[in-house]
Amino acid sequence: MSAAFLFSPRGTIDRARYFLVGLVFVLCKFAVDATLSVDVFHQPWSPCEYLFPRFSLTRLQTQWS
């Protein structure tokens, strides 16, 4: 499967391939977010930051105050 096929408005994709492509995109986003968090803000980043964003913002605000 080519990358152009994934972004085409025509055609269909089966569930397994849809799940796999979504998983790859999520892992890439996590890798970018974690790298930026450590390199720019010097803060660790975990998958829990996506599940509990309010907690992570509160934690950062208390550290900066």
C-alpha atoms as a PDB file:
ATOM      1  CA  MET A   1       0.000   0.000   0.000  1.00  0.00           C
ATOM      2  CA  SER A   2       1.371   3.390  -0.932  1.00  0.00           C
ATOM      3  CA  ALA A   3       1.174   6.504   1.230  1.00  0.00           C
ATOM      4  CA  ALA A   4      -0.801   8.285  -1.498  1.00  0.00           C
ATOM      5  CA  PHE A   5      -3.546   5.660  -1.174  1.00  0.00           C
ATOM      6  CA  LEU A   6      -3.965   6.475   2.532  1.00  0.00           C
ATOM      7  CA  PHE A   7      -4.747  10.113   1.796  1.00  0.00           C
ATOM      8  CA  SER A   8      -6.979   9.516  -1.217  1.00  0.00           C
ATOM      9  CA  PRO A   9     -10.672  10.387  -0.817  1.00  0.00           C
ATOM     10  CA  ARG A  10     -11.573   7.378  -2.986  1.00  0.00           C
ATOM     11  CA  GLY A  11     -11.491   3.739  -2.052  1.00  0.00           C
ATOM     12  CA  THR A  12     -11.843   1.830   1.182  1.00  0.00           C
ATOM     13  CA  ILE A  13      -9.537   0.434   3.803  1.00  0.00           C
ATOM     14  CA  ASP A  14     -10.142  -2.575   6.027  1.00  0.00           C
ATOM     15  CA  ARG A  15     -10.319  -2.364   9.817  1.00  0.00           C
ATOM     16  CA  ALA A  16      -6.972  -3.955  10.526  1.00  0.00           C
ATOM     17  CA  ARG A  17      -5.107  -1.616   8.183  1.00  0.00           C
ATOM     18  CA  TYR A  18      -7.025   1.397   9.554  1.00  0.00           C
ATOM     19  CA  PHE A  19      -6.055   0.401  13.092  1.00  0.00           C
ATOM     20  CA  LEU A  20      -2.418  -0.152  12.113  1.00  0.00           C
ATOM     21  CA  VAL A  21      -2.112   3.220  10.369  1.00  0.00           C
ATOM     22  CA  GLY A  22      -3.761   4.964  13.327  1.00  0.00           C
ATOM     23  CA  LEU A  23      -1.436   3.228  15.763  1.00  0.00           C
ATOM     24  CA  VAL A  24       1.621   4.278  13.761  1.00  0.00           C
ATOM     25  CA  PHE A  25       0.431   7.904  13.741  1.00  0.00           C
ATOM     26  CA  VAL A  26      -0.219   7.836  17.507  1.00  0.00           C
ATOM     27  CA  LEU A  27       3.255   6.426  18.180  1.00  0.00           C
ATOM     28  CA  CYS A  28       4.846   9.066  15.952  1.00  0.00           C
ATOM     29  CA  LYS A  29       2.938  11.842  17.750  1.00  0.00           C
ATOM     30  CA  PHE A  30       3.982  10.493  21.130  1.00  0.00           C
ATOM     31  CA  ALA A  31       7.628  10.341  20.027  1.00  0.00           C
ATOM     32  CA  VAL A  32       7.553  13.963  18.831  1.00  0.00           C
ATOM     33  CA  ASP A  33       5.737  15.182  21.968  1.00  0.00           C
ATOM     34  CA  ALA A  34       8.067  13.333  24.325  1.00  0.00           C
ATOM     35  CA  THR A  35      11.168  14.591  22.512  1.00  0.00           C
ATOM     36  CA  LEU A  36       9.988  18.210  22.571  1.00  0.00           C
ATOM     37  CA  SER A  37       8.935  17.963  26.198  1.00  0.00           C
ATOM     38  CA  VAL A  38      12.337  16.729  27.318  1.00  0.00           C
ATOM     39  CA  ASP A  39      14.480  18.879  24.992  1.00  0.00           C
ATOM     40  CA  VAL A  40      12.576  22.167  25.267  1.00  0.00           C
ATOM     41  CA  PHE A  41      10.828  22.079  28.647  1.00  0.00           C
ATOM     42  CA  HIS A  42      13.094  19.616  30.512  1.00  0.00           C
ATOM     43  CA  GLN A  43       9.997  17.729  31.713  1.00  0.00           C
ATOM     44  CA  PRO A  44       9.258  14.018  31.311  1.00  0.00           C
ATOM     45  CA  TRP A  45       6.292  13.057  29.132  1.00  0.00           C
ATOM     46  CA  SER A  46       4.216   9.915  29.449  1.00  0.00           C
ATOM     47  CA  PRO A  47       1.082   8.534  27.783  1.00  0.00           C
ATOM     48  CA  CYS A  48      -0.849   9.503  30.952  1.00  0.00           C
ATOM     49  CA  GLU A  49      -0.462  13.148  29.896  1.00  0.00           C
ATOM     50  CA  TYR A  50      -3.018  12.466  27.142  1.00  0.00           C
ATOM     51  CA  LEU A  51      -5.440  10.697  29.474  1.00  0.00           C
ATOM     52  CA  PHE A  52      -5.282  13.248  32.310  1.00  0.00           C
ATOM     53  CA  PRO A  53      -4.367  16.619  30.739  1.00  0.00           C
ATOM     54  CA  ARG A  54      -5.873  18.655  33.577  1.00  0.00           C
ATOM     55  CA  PHE A  55      -3.586  16.937  36.059  1.00  0.00           C
ATOM     56  CA  SER A  56      -0.517  17.597  33.929  1.00  0.00           C
ATOM     57  CA  LEU A  57      -1.335  21.315  33.548  1.00  0.00           C
ATOM     58  CA  THR A  58      -1.889  21.633  37.299  1.00  0.00           C
ATOM     59  CA  ARG A  59       1.402  19.911  37.962  1.00  0.00           C
ATOM     60  CA  LEU A  60       3.287  22.268  35.637  1.00  0.00           C
ATOM     61  CA  GLN A  61       1.627  25.385  37.047  1.00  0.00           C
ATOM     62  CA  THR A  62       2.584  24.466  40.609  1.00  0.00           C
ATOM     63  CA  GLN A  63       6.180  23.907  39.540  1.00  0.00           C
ATOM     64  CA  TRP A  64       6.422  27.320  37.838  1.00  0.00           C
ATOM     65  CA  SER A  65       4.827  29.278  40.707  1.00  0.00           C
END
